[in-house]
């Protein structure tokens, strides 16, 4: 069962790795241009961690479309999801397999 959960989380963690690579390599070239807090890439990373690939992709694309020169910007935090998974210190998602006593 544990191995199946890790396999199901693999696509999510691949996308998280790609966003982290973008944030480390490409994002510094552009500087701080996002009108929202957190930045669009940090928002996308949080959405992928909390919601998965499909819903996270939709919400991140919607956020990027809203981030334009004519928008006011502002604070747009990622709302916490369910506690089925936990985010490690490195940012990847693993099953939350805590046993209830």
PDB file of N, CA and C in Angstrom:
ATOM      1  N   UNK A   1       0.823  -1.197   0.000  1.00  0.00           N
ATOM      2  CA  UNK A   1       0.000   0.000   0.000  1.00  0.00           C
ATOM      3  C   UNK A   1       0.864   1.256   0.000  1.00  0.00           C
ATOM      4  N   UNK A   2       1.928   1.234   0.820  1.00  0.00           N
ATOM      5  CA  UNK A   2       2.808   2.392   0.912  1.00  0.00           C
ATOM      6  C   UNK A   2       3.490   2.663  -0.428  1.00  0.00           C
ATOM      7  N   UNK A   3       3.925   1.602  -1.115  1.00  0.00           N
ATOM      8  CA  UNK A   3       4.576   1.771  -2.412  1.00  0.00           C
ATOM      9  C   UNK A   3       3.603   2.341  -3.438  1.00  0.00           C
ATOM     10  N   UNK A   4       2.349   1.931  -3.383  1.00  0.00           N
ATOM     11  CA  UNK A   4       1.338   2.452  -4.303  1.00  0.00           C
ATOM     12  C   UNK A   4       1.138   3.951  -4.101  1.00  0.00           C
ATOM     13  N   UNK A   5       1.132   4.390  -2.855  1.00  0.00           N
ATOM     14  CA  UNK A   5       0.981   5.823  -2.582  1.00  0.00           C
ATOM     15  C   UNK A   5       2.150   6.619  -3.138  1.00  0.00           C
ATOM     16  N   UNK A   6       3.363   6.084  -3.019  1.00  0.00           N
ATOM     17  CA  UNK A   6       4.524   6.784  -3.571  1.00  0.00           C
ATOM     18  C   UNK A   6       4.451   6.850  -5.094  1.00  0.00           C
ATOM     19  N   UNK A   7       3.938   5.796  -5.733  1.00  0.00           N
ATOM     20  CA  UNK A   7       3.780   5.801  -7.192  1.00  0.00           C
ATOM     21  C   UNK A   7       2.725   6.820  -7.609  1.00  0.00           C
ATOM     22  N   UNK A   8       1.641   6.916  -6.858  1.00  0.00           N
ATOM     23  CA  UNK A   8       0.593   7.884  -7.176  1.00  0.00           C
ATOM     24  C   UNK A   8       1.065   9.320  -6.983  1.00  0.00           C
ATOM     25  N   UNK A   9       2.006   9.535  -6.087  1.00  0.00           N
ATOM     26  CA  UNK A   9       2.532  10.879  -5.844  1.00  0.00           C
ATOM     27  C   UNK A   9       3.681  11.246  -6.777  1.00  0.00           C
ATOM     28  N   UNK A  10       4.171  10.298  -7.570  1.00  0.00           N
ATOM     29  CA  UNK A  10       5.318  10.560  -8.445  1.00  0.00           C
ATOM     30  C   UNK A  10       5.070  11.696  -9.439  1.00  0.00           C
ATOM     31  N   UNK A  11       3.926  11.745 -10.163  1.00  0.00           N
ATOM     32  CA  UNK A  11       3.722  12.871 -11.094  1.00  0.00           C
ATOM     33  C   UNK A  11       3.723  14.223 -10.385  1.00  0.00           C
ATOM     34  N   UNK A  12       3.139  14.281  -9.216  1.00  0.00           N
ATOM     35  CA  UNK A  12       3.113  15.523  -8.442  1.00  0.00           C
ATOM     36  C   UNK A  12       4.535  15.959  -8.092  1.00  0.00           C
ATOM     37  N   UNK A  13       5.366  15.011  -7.670  1.00  0.00           N
ATOM     38  CA  UNK A  13       6.728  15.346  -7.289  1.00  0.00           C
ATOM     39  C   UNK A  13       7.597  15.696  -8.492  1.00  0.00           C
ATOM     40  N   UNK A  14       7.310  15.126  -9.659  1.00  0.00           N
ATOM     41  CA  UNK A  14       8.037  15.510 -10.876  1.00  0.00           C
ATOM     42  C   UNK A  14       7.728  16.960 -11.227  1.00  0.00           C
ATOM     43  N   UNK A  15       6.465  17.341 -11.165  1.00  0.00           N
ATOM     44  CA  UNK A  15       6.084  18.728 -11.457  1.00  0.00           C
ATOM     45  C   UNK A  15       6.684  19.669 -10.417  1.00  0.00           C
ATOM     46  N   UNK A  16       6.704  19.272  -9.168  1.00  0.00           N
ATOM     47  CA  UNK A  16       7.319  20.091  -8.119  1.00  0.00           C
ATOM     48  C   UNK A  16       8.801  20.293  -8.419  1.00  0.00           C
ATOM     49  N   UNK A  17       9.485  19.230  -8.864  1.00  0.00           N
ATOM     50  CA  UNK A  17      10.902  19.351  -9.213  1.00  0.00           C
ATOM     51  C   UNK A  17      11.095  20.316 -10.382  1.00  0.00           C
ATOM     52  N   UNK A  18      10.194  20.283 -11.372  1.00  0.00           N
ATOM     53  CA  UNK A  18      10.302  21.201 -12.512  1.00  0.00           C
ATOM     54  C   UNK A  18      10.084  22.652 -12.086  1.00  0.00           C
ATOM     55  N   UNK A  19       9.129  22.892 -11.203  1.00  0.00           N
ATOM     56  CA  UNK A  19       8.892  24.257 -10.714  1.00  0.00           C
ATOM     57  C   UNK A  19      10.092  24.735  -9.901  1.00  0.00           C
ATOM     58  N   UNK A  20      10.662  23.854  -9.082  1.00  0.00           N
ATOM     59  CA  UNK A  20      11.839  24.232  -8.306  1.00  0.00           C
ATOM     60  C   UNK A  20      13.025  24.529  -9.223  1.00  0.00           C
ATOM     61  N   UNK A  21      13.168  23.770 -10.300  1.00  0.00           N
ATOM     62  CA  UNK A  21      14.228  24.034 -11.281  1.00  0.00           C
ATOM     63  C   UNK A  21      14.012  25.387 -11.950  1.00  0.00           C
ATOM     64  N   UNK A  22      12.765  25.689 -12.332  1.00  0.00           N
ATOM     65  CA  UNK A  22      12.439  26.996 -12.912  1.00  0.00           C
ATOM     66  C   UNK A  22      12.790  28.114 -11.940  1.00  0.00           C
ATOM     67  N   UNK A  23      12.427  27.946 -10.678  1.00  0.00           N
ATOM     68  CA  UNK A  23      12.684  28.992  -9.680  1.00  0.00           C
ATOM     69  C   UNK A  23      14.173  29.198  -9.447  1.00  0.00           C
ATOM     70  N   UNK A  24      14.965  28.158  -9.607  1.00  0.00           N
ATOM     71  CA  UNK A  24      16.399  28.271  -9.364  1.00  0.00           C
ATOM     72  C   UNK A  24      17.164  28.779 -10.583  1.00  0.00           C
ATOM     73  N   UNK A  25      16.730  28.418 -11.804  1.00  0.00           N
ATOM     74  CA  UNK A  25      17.507  28.733 -13.001  1.00  0.00           C
ATOM     75  C   UNK A  25      16.933  29.918 -13.774  1.00  0.00           C
ATOM     76  N   UNK A  26      15.649  29.890 -14.089  1.00  0.00           N
ATOM     77  CA  UNK A  26      15.064  30.884 -14.993  1.00  0.00           C
ATOM     78  C   UNK A  26      14.541  32.107 -14.252  1.00  0.00           C
ATOM     79  N   UNK A  27      13.889  31.920 -13.138  1.00  0.00           N
ATOM     80  CA  UNK A  27      13.270  33.027 -12.416  1.00  0.00           C
ATOM     81  C   UNK A  27      14.253  34.132 -12.014  1.00  0.00           C
ATOM     82  N   UNK A  28      15.482  33.819 -11.586  1.00  0.00           N
ATOM     83  CA  UNK A  28      16.412  34.908 -11.245  1.00  0.00           C
ATOM     84  C   UNK A  28      16.772  35.801 -12.435  1.00  0.00           C
ATOM     85  N   UNK A  29      16.635  35.302 -13.645  1.00  0.00           N
ATOM     86  CA  UNK A  29      16.938  36.110 -14.824  1.00  0.00           C
ATOM     87  C   UNK A  29      15.932  37.239 -15.008  1.00  0.00           C
ATOM     88  N   UNK A  30      14.697  37.028 -14.587  1.00  0.00           N
ATOM     89  CA  UNK A  30      13.645  38.033 -14.742  1.00  0.00           C
ATOM     90  C   UNK A  30      13.557  38.991 -13.562  1.00  0.00           C
ATOM     91  N   UNK A  31      14.003  38.580 -12.415  1.00  0.00           N
ATOM     92  CA  UNK A  31      13.897  39.432 -11.236  1.00  0.00           C
ATOM     93  C   UNK A  31      12.509  39.366 -10.627  1.00  0.00           C
ATOM     94  N   UNK A  32      12.206  40.326  -9.780  1.00  0.00           N
ATOM     95  CA  UNK A  32      10.935  40.356  -9.058  1.00  0.00           C
ATOM     96  C   UNK A  32       9.907  41.134  -9.876  1.00  0.00           C
ATOM     97  N   UNK A  33       9.133  40.436 -10.706  1.00  0.00           N
ATOM     98  CA  UNK A  33       8.167  41.105 -11.582  1.00  0.00           C
ATOM     99  C   UNK A  33       6.716  40.754 -11.258  1.00  0.00           C
ATOM    100  N   UNK A  34       6.490  39.837 -10.344  1.00  0.00           N
ATOM    101  CA  UNK A  34       5.122  39.416 -10.038  1.00  0.00           C
ATOM    102  C   UNK A  34       4.419  40.472  -9.195  1.00  0.00           C
ATOM    103  N   UNK A  35       3.156  40.730  -9.507  1.00  0.00           N
ATOM    104  CA  UNK A  35       2.370  41.726  -8.784  1.00  0.00           C
ATOM    105  C   UNK A  35       1.688  41.151  -7.544  1.00  0.00           C
ATOM    106  N   UNK A  36       1.765  39.865  -7.382  1.00  0.00           N
ATOM    107  CA  UNK A  36       1.112  39.205  -6.251  1.00  0.00           C
ATOM    108  C   UNK A  36       2.142  38.705  -5.245  1.00  0.00           C
ATOM    109  N   UNK A  37       1.670  38.468  -4.035  1.00  0.00           N
ATOM    110  CA  UNK A  37       2.472  37.788  -3.035  1.00  0.00           C
ATOM    111  C   UNK A  37       1.711  36.542  -2.605  1.00  0.00           C
ATOM    112  N   UNK A  38       2.297  35.392  -2.578  1.00  0.00           N
ATOM    113  CA  UNK A  38       3.637  35.045  -3.028  1.00  0.00           C
ATOM    114  C   UNK A  38       3.745  35.112  -4.540  1.00  0.00           C
ATOM    115  N   UNK A  39       4.961  35.043  -5.055  1.00  0.00           N
ATOM    116  CA  UNK A  39       5.155  35.126  -6.504  1.00  0.00           C
ATOM    117  C   UNK A  39       4.398  33.992  -7.195  1.00  0.00           C
ATOM    118  N   UNK A  40       4.191  34.127  -8.486  1.00  0.00           N
ATOM    119  CA  UNK A  40       3.414  33.122  -9.224  1.00  0.00           C
ATOM    120  C   UNK A  40       4.060  31.738  -9.147  1.00  0.00           C
ATOM    121  N   UNK A  41       5.390  31.682  -9.187  1.00  0.00           N
ATOM    122  CA  UNK A  41       6.042  30.373  -9.109  1.00  0.00           C
ATOM    123  C   UNK A  41       5.912  29.773  -7.707  1.00  0.00           C
ATOM    124  N   UNK A  42       5.993  30.597  -6.671  1.00  0.00           N
ATOM    125  CA  UNK A  42       5.802  30.089  -5.306  1.00  0.00           C
ATOM    126  C   UNK A  42       4.351  29.656  -5.101  1.00  0.00           C
ATOM    127  N   UNK A  43       3.410  30.403  -5.673  1.00  0.00           N
ATOM    128  CA  UNK A  43       1.994  30.043  -5.603  1.00  0.00           C
ATOM    129  C   UNK A  43       1.767  28.710  -6.316  1.00  0.00           C
ATOM    130  N   UNK A  44       2.340  28.560  -7.507  1.00  0.00           N
ATOM    131  CA  UNK A  44       2.201  27.313  -8.253  1.00  0.00           C
ATOM    132  C   UNK A  44       2.797  26.136  -7.503  1.00  0.00           C
ATOM    133  N   UNK A  45       3.963  26.346  -6.908  1.00  0.00           N
ATOM    134  CA  UNK A  45       4.593  25.288  -6.129  1.00  0.00           C
ATOM    135  C   UNK A  45       3.684  24.859  -4.976  1.00  0.00           C
ATOM    136  N   UNK A  46       3.115  25.822  -4.288  1.00  0.00           N
ATOM    137  CA  UNK A  46       2.202  25.508  -3.189  1.00  0.00           C
ATOM    138  C   UNK A  46       0.949  24.796  -3.660  1.00  0.00           C
ATOM    139  N   UNK A  47       0.413  25.208  -4.797  1.00  0.00           N
ATOM    140  CA  UNK A  47      -0.793  24.547  -5.323  1.00  0.00           C
ATOM    141  C   UNK A  47      -0.497  23.108  -5.722  1.00  0.00           C
ATOM    142  N   UNK A  48       0.646  22.867  -6.353  1.00  0.00           N
ATOM    143  CA  UNK A  48       0.998  21.495  -6.717  1.00  0.00           C
ATOM    144  C   UNK A  48       1.200  20.643  -5.468  1.00  0.00           C
ATOM    145  N   UNK A  49       1.787  21.216  -4.435  1.00  0.00           N
ATOM    146  CA  UNK A  49       1.987  20.471  -3.199  1.00  0.00           C
ATOM    147  C   UNK A  49       0.658  20.161  -2.520  1.00  0.00           C
ATOM    148  N   UNK A  50      -0.276  21.082  -2.536  1.00  0.00           N
ATOM    149  CA  UNK A  50      -1.542  20.912  -1.822  1.00  0.00           C
ATOM    150  C   UNK A  50      -2.611  20.206  -2.651  1.00  0.00           C
ATOM    151  N   UNK A  51      -2.669  20.466  -3.945  1.00  0.00           N
ATOM    152  CA  UNK A  51      -3.800  20.026  -4.760  1.00  0.00           C
ATOM    153  C   UNK A  51      -3.470  18.965  -5.809  1.00  0.00           C
ATOM    154  N   UNK A  52      -2.209  18.788  -6.175  1.00  0.00           N
ATOM    155  CA  UNK A  52      -1.863  17.819  -7.199  1.00  0.00           C
ATOM    156  C   UNK A  52      -1.668  18.470  -8.553  1.00  0.00           C
ATOM    157  N   UNK A  53      -1.433  17.636  -9.565  1.00  0.00           N
ATOM    158  CA  UNK A  53      -1.055  18.137 -10.883  1.00  0.00           C
ATOM    159  C   UNK A  53      -2.233  18.772 -11.611  1.00  0.00           C
ATOM    160  N   UNK A  54      -3.379  18.125 -11.656  1.00  0.00           N
ATOM    161  CA  UNK A  54      -4.496  18.639 -12.456  1.00  0.00           C
ATOM    162  C   UNK A  54      -5.073  19.932 -11.888  1.00  0.00           C
ATOM    163  N   UNK A  55      -5.497  19.904 -10.654  1.00  0.00           N
ATOM    164  CA  UNK A  55      -6.096  21.094 -10.041  1.00  0.00           C
ATOM    165  C   UNK A  55      -5.036  22.179  -9.872  1.00  0.00           C
ATOM    166  N   UNK A  56      -3.823  21.784  -9.489  1.00  0.00           N
ATOM    167  CA  UNK A  56      -2.737  22.751  -9.337  1.00  0.00           C
ATOM    168  C   UNK A  56      -2.401  23.448 -10.639  1.00  0.00           C
ATOM    169  N   UNK A  57      -2.438  22.711 -11.759  1.00  0.00           N
ATOM    170  CA  UNK A  57      -2.171  23.323 -13.069  1.00  0.00           C
ATOM    171  C   UNK A  57      -3.241  24.344 -13.417  1.00  0.00           C
ATOM    172  N   UNK A  58      -4.498  23.998 -13.170  1.00  0.00           N
ATOM    173  CA  UNK A  58      -5.592  24.924 -13.466  1.00  0.00           C
ATOM    174  C   UNK A  58      -5.480  26.194 -12.627  1.00  0.00           C
ATOM    175  N   UNK A  59      -5.277  26.042 -11.326  1.00  0.00           N
ATOM    176  CA  UNK A  59      -5.203  27.203 -10.437  1.00  0.00           C
ATOM    177  C   UNK A  59      -3.973  28.062 -10.724  1.00  0.00           C
ATOM    178  N   UNK A  60      -2.853  27.427 -11.072  1.00  0.00           N
ATOM    179  CA  UNK A  60      -1.644  28.182 -11.399  1.00  0.00           C
ATOM    180  C   UNK A  60      -1.816  28.932 -12.712  1.00  0.00           C
ATOM    181  N   UNK A  61      -2.424  28.293 -13.710  1.00  0.00           N
ATOM    182  CA  UNK A  61      -2.665  28.980 -14.985  1.00  0.00           C
ATOM    183  C   UNK A  61      -3.604  30.168 -14.790  1.00  0.00           C
ATOM    184  N   UNK A  62      -4.632  29.998 -13.972  1.00  0.00           N
ATOM    185  CA  UNK A  62      -5.553  31.098 -13.691  1.00  0.00           C
ATOM    186  C   UNK A  62      -4.827  32.243 -12.984  1.00  0.00           C
ATOM    187  N   UNK A  63      -3.936  31.920 -12.083  1.00  0.00           N
ATOM    188  CA  UNK A  63      -3.155  32.949 -11.381  1.00  0.00           C
ATOM    189  C   UNK A  63      -2.237  33.690 -12.351  1.00  0.00           C
ATOM    190  N   UNK A  64      -1.571  32.971 -13.250  1.00  0.00           N
ATOM    191  CA  UNK A  64      -0.667  33.610 -14.213  1.00  0.00           C
ATOM    192  C   UNK A  64      -1.449  34.522 -15.148  1.00  0.00           C
ATOM    193  N   UNK A  65      -2.660  34.125 -15.524  1.00  0.00           N
ATOM    194  CA  UNK A  65      -3.489  34.990 -16.369  1.00  0.00           C
ATOM    195  C   UNK A  65      -3.906  36.261 -15.636  1.00  0.00           C
ATOM    196  N   UNK A  66      -4.106  36.169 -14.320  1.00  0.00           N
ATOM    197  CA  UNK A  66      -4.467  37.356 -13.539  1.00  0.00           C
ATOM    198  C   UNK A  66      -3.281  38.275 -13.291  1.00  0.00           C
ATOM    199  N   UNK A  67      -2.075  37.763 -13.371  1.00  0.00           N
ATOM    200  CA  UNK A  67      -0.871  38.547 -13.090  1.00  0.00           C
ATOM    201  C   UNK A  67      -0.444  39.249 -14.375  1.00  0.00           C
ATOM    202  N   UNK A  68      -0.925  40.454 -14.564  1.00  0.00           N
ATOM    203  CA  UNK A  68      -0.611  41.214 -15.769  1.00  0.00           C
ATOM    204  C   UNK A  68      -0.404  42.680 -15.392  1.00  0.00           C
ATOM    205  N   UNK A  69       0.086  43.496 -16.318  1.00  0.00           N
ATOM    206  CA  UNK A  69       0.375  44.898 -15.980  1.00  0.00           C
ATOM    207  C   UNK A  69      -0.849  45.712 -15.575  1.00  0.00           C
ATOM    208  N   UNK A  70      -2.054  45.253 -15.891  1.00  0.00           N
ATOM    209  CA  UNK A  70      -3.259  46.020 -15.586  1.00  0.00           C
ATOM    210  C   UNK A  70      -3.935  45.575 -14.288  1.00  0.00           C
ATOM    211  N   UNK A  71      -3.376  44.587 -13.614  1.00  0.00           N
ATOM    212  CA  UNK A  71      -3.992  44.120 -12.365  1.00  0.00           C
ATOM    213  C   UNK A  71      -3.395  44.865 -11.171  1.00  0.00           C
ATOM    214  N   UNK A  72      -4.163  44.937 -10.108  1.00  0.00           N
ATOM    215  CA  UNK A  72      -3.707  45.595  -8.885  1.00  0.00           C
ATOM    216  C   UNK A  72      -2.703  44.733  -8.125  1.00  0.00           C
ATOM    217  N   UNK A  73      -2.820  43.422  -8.257  1.00  0.00           N
ATOM    218  CA  UNK A  73      -1.968  42.530  -7.484  1.00  0.00           C
ATOM    219  C   UNK A  73      -2.526  42.342  -6.088  1.00  0.00           C
ATOM    220  N   UNK A  74      -1.686  41.971  -5.165  1.00  0.00           N
ATOM    221  CA  UNK A  74      -2.114  41.794  -3.786  1.00  0.00           C
ATOM    222  C   UNK A  74      -1.630  40.479  -3.211  1.00  0.00           C
ATOM    223  N   UNK A  75      -2.235  40.095  -2.115  1.00  0.00           N
ATOM    224  CA  UNK A  75      -1.869  38.854  -1.430  1.00  0.00           C
ATOM    225  C   UNK A  75      -2.850  37.769  -1.849  1.00  0.00           C
ATOM    226  N   UNK A  76      -2.328  36.645  -2.303  1.00  0.00           N
ATOM    227  CA  UNK A  76      -3.139  35.520  -2.761  1.00  0.00           C
ATOM    228  C   UNK A  76      -2.483  34.244  -2.244  1.00  0.00           C
ATOM    229  N   UNK A  77      -2.747  33.922  -1.000  1.00  0.00           N
ATOM    230  CA  UNK A  77      -2.116  32.766  -0.359  1.00  0.00           C
ATOM    231  C   UNK A  77      -2.724  31.458  -0.858  1.00  0.00           C
ATOM    232  N   UNK A  78      -1.940  30.396  -0.771  1.00  0.00           N
ATOM    233  CA  UNK A  78      -2.418  29.050  -1.073  1.00  0.00           C
ATOM    234  C   UNK A  78      -3.163  28.540   0.153  1.00  0.00           C
ATOM    235  N   UNK A  79      -4.408  28.158  -0.053  1.00  0.00           N
ATOM    236  CA  UNK A  79      -5.202  27.635   1.061  1.00  0.00           C
ATOM    237  C   UNK A  79      -4.773  26.197   1.357  1.00  0.00           C
ATOM    238  N   UNK A  80      -4.665  25.839   2.624  1.00  0.00           N
ATOM    239  CA  UNK A  80      -4.224  24.480   2.950  1.00  0.00           C
ATOM    240  C   UNK A  80      -5.237  23.438   2.485  1.00  0.00           C
ATOM    241  N   UNK A  81      -4.716  22.295   2.056  1.00  0.00           N
ATOM    242  CA  UNK A  81      -5.567  21.200   1.612  1.00  0.00           C
ATOM    243  C   UNK A  81      -5.796  20.199   2.736  1.00  0.00           C
ATOM    244  N   UNK A  82      -6.194  18.993   2.365  1.00  0.00           N
ATOM    245  CA  UNK A  82      -6.417  17.935   3.336  1.00  0.00           C
ATOM    246  C   UNK A  82      -5.085  17.432   3.879  1.00  0.00           C
ATOM    247  N   UNK A  83      -5.116  16.739   4.989  1.00  0.00           N
ATOM    248  CA  UNK A  83      -3.912  16.211   5.617  1.00  0.00           C
ATOM    249  C   UNK A  83      -3.572  14.799   5.145  1.00  0.00           C
ATOM    250  N   UNK A  84      -3.915  14.436   3.942  1.00  0.00           N
ATOM    251  CA  UNK A  84      -3.604  13.101   3.445  1.00  0.00           C
ATOM    252  C   UNK A  84      -2.129  12.959   3.121  1.00  0.00           C
ATOM    253  N   UNK A  85      -1.491  14.058   2.772  1.00  0.00           N
ATOM    254  CA  UNK A  85      -0.085  14.053   2.407  1.00  0.00           C
ATOM    255  C   UNK A  85       0.628  15.118   3.223  1.00  0.00           C
ATOM    256  N   UNK A  86       1.921  14.970   3.361  1.00  0.00           N
ATOM    257  CA  UNK A  86       2.685  16.015   4.031  1.00  0.00           C
ATOM    258  C   UNK A  86       3.826  16.449   3.123  1.00  0.00           C
ATOM    259  N   UNK A  87       4.216  17.686   3.282  1.00  0.00           N
ATOM    260  CA  UNK A  87       5.296  18.262   2.490  1.00  0.00           C
ATOM    261  C   UNK A  87       6.570  18.159   3.313  1.00  0.00           C
ATOM    262  N   UNK A  88       7.615  17.582   2.716  1.00  0.00           N
ATOM    263  CA  UNK A  88       8.884  17.431   3.421  1.00  0.00           C
ATOM    264  C   UNK A  88       9.617  18.767   3.466  1.00  0.00           C
ATOM    265  N   UNK A  89      10.730  18.796   4.175  1.00  0.00           N
ATOM    266  CA  UNK A  89      11.539  20.013   4.266  1.00  0.00           C
ATOM    267  C   UNK A  89      12.101  20.424   2.909  1.00  0.00           C
ATOM    268  N   UNK A  90      12.292  19.455   2.013  1.00  0.00           N
ATOM    269  CA  UNK A  90      12.811  19.770   0.682  1.00  0.00           C
ATOM    270  C   UNK A  90      11.714  20.174  -0.292  1.00  0.00           C
ATOM    271  N   UNK A  91      10.447  20.085   0.112  1.00  0.00           N
ATOM    272  CA  UNK A  91       9.346  20.550  -0.718  1.00  0.00           C
ATOM    273  C   UNK A  91       8.582  19.468  -1.450  1.00  0.00           C
ATOM    274  N   UNK A  92       8.987  18.221  -1.305  1.00  0.00           N
ATOM    275  CA  UNK A  92       8.300  17.141  -1.998  1.00  0.00           C
ATOM    276  C   UNK A  92       7.184  16.577  -1.122  1.00  0.00           C
ATOM    277  N   UNK A  93       6.251  15.874  -1.752  1.00  0.00           N
ATOM    278  CA  UNK A  93       5.067  15.374  -1.060  1.00  0.00           C
ATOM    279  C   UNK A  93       5.218  13.874  -0.827  1.00  0.00           C
ATOM    280  N   UNK A  94       4.941  13.453   0.397  1.00  0.00           N
ATOM    281  CA  UNK A  94       4.979  12.037   0.764  1.00  0.00           C
ATOM    282  C   UNK A  94       3.672  11.701   1.471  1.00  0.00           C
ATOM    283  N   UNK A  95       3.300  10.416   1.508  1.00  0.00           N
ATOM    284  CA  UNK A  95       2.066  10.044   2.208  1.00  0.00           C
ATOM    285  C   UNK A  95       2.161  10.367   3.695  1.00  0.00           C
ATOM    286  N   UNK A  96       1.059  10.769   4.257  1.00  0.00           N
ATOM    287  CA  UNK A  96       0.981  11.049   5.689  1.00  0.00           C
ATOM    288  C   UNK A  96       0.512   9.771   6.369  1.00  0.00           C
ATOM    289  N   UNK A  97       1.449   8.956   6.785  1.00  0.00           N
ATOM    290  CA  UNK A  97       1.129   7.626   7.309  1.00  0.00           C
ATOM    291  C   UNK A  97       1.244   7.559   8.824  1.00  0.00           C
ATOM    292  N   UNK A  98       0.828   8.593   9.501  1.00  0.00           N
ATOM    293  CA  UNK A  98       0.860   8.583  10.966  1.00  0.00           C
ATOM    294  C   UNK A  98      -0.200   7.622  11.493  1.00  0.00           C
ATOM    295  N   UNK A  99       0.188   6.839  12.467  1.00  0.00           N
ATOM    296  CA  UNK A  99      -0.757   5.907  13.076  1.00  0.00           C
ATOM    297  C   UNK A  99      -1.483   6.599  14.212  1.00  0.00           C
ATOM    298  N   UNK A 100      -2.781   6.375  14.283  1.00  0.00           N
ATOM    299  CA  UNK A 100      -3.596   6.945  15.351  1.00  0.00           C
ATOM    300  C   UNK A 100      -3.633   5.946  16.497  1.00  0.00           C
ATOM    301  N   UNK A 101      -3.272   6.387  17.693  1.00  0.00           N
ATOM    302  CA  UNK A 101      -3.269   5.485  18.859  1.00  0.00           C
ATOM    303  C   UNK A 101      -4.635   5.334  19.442  1.00  0.00           C
TER     304      UNK A 101
END
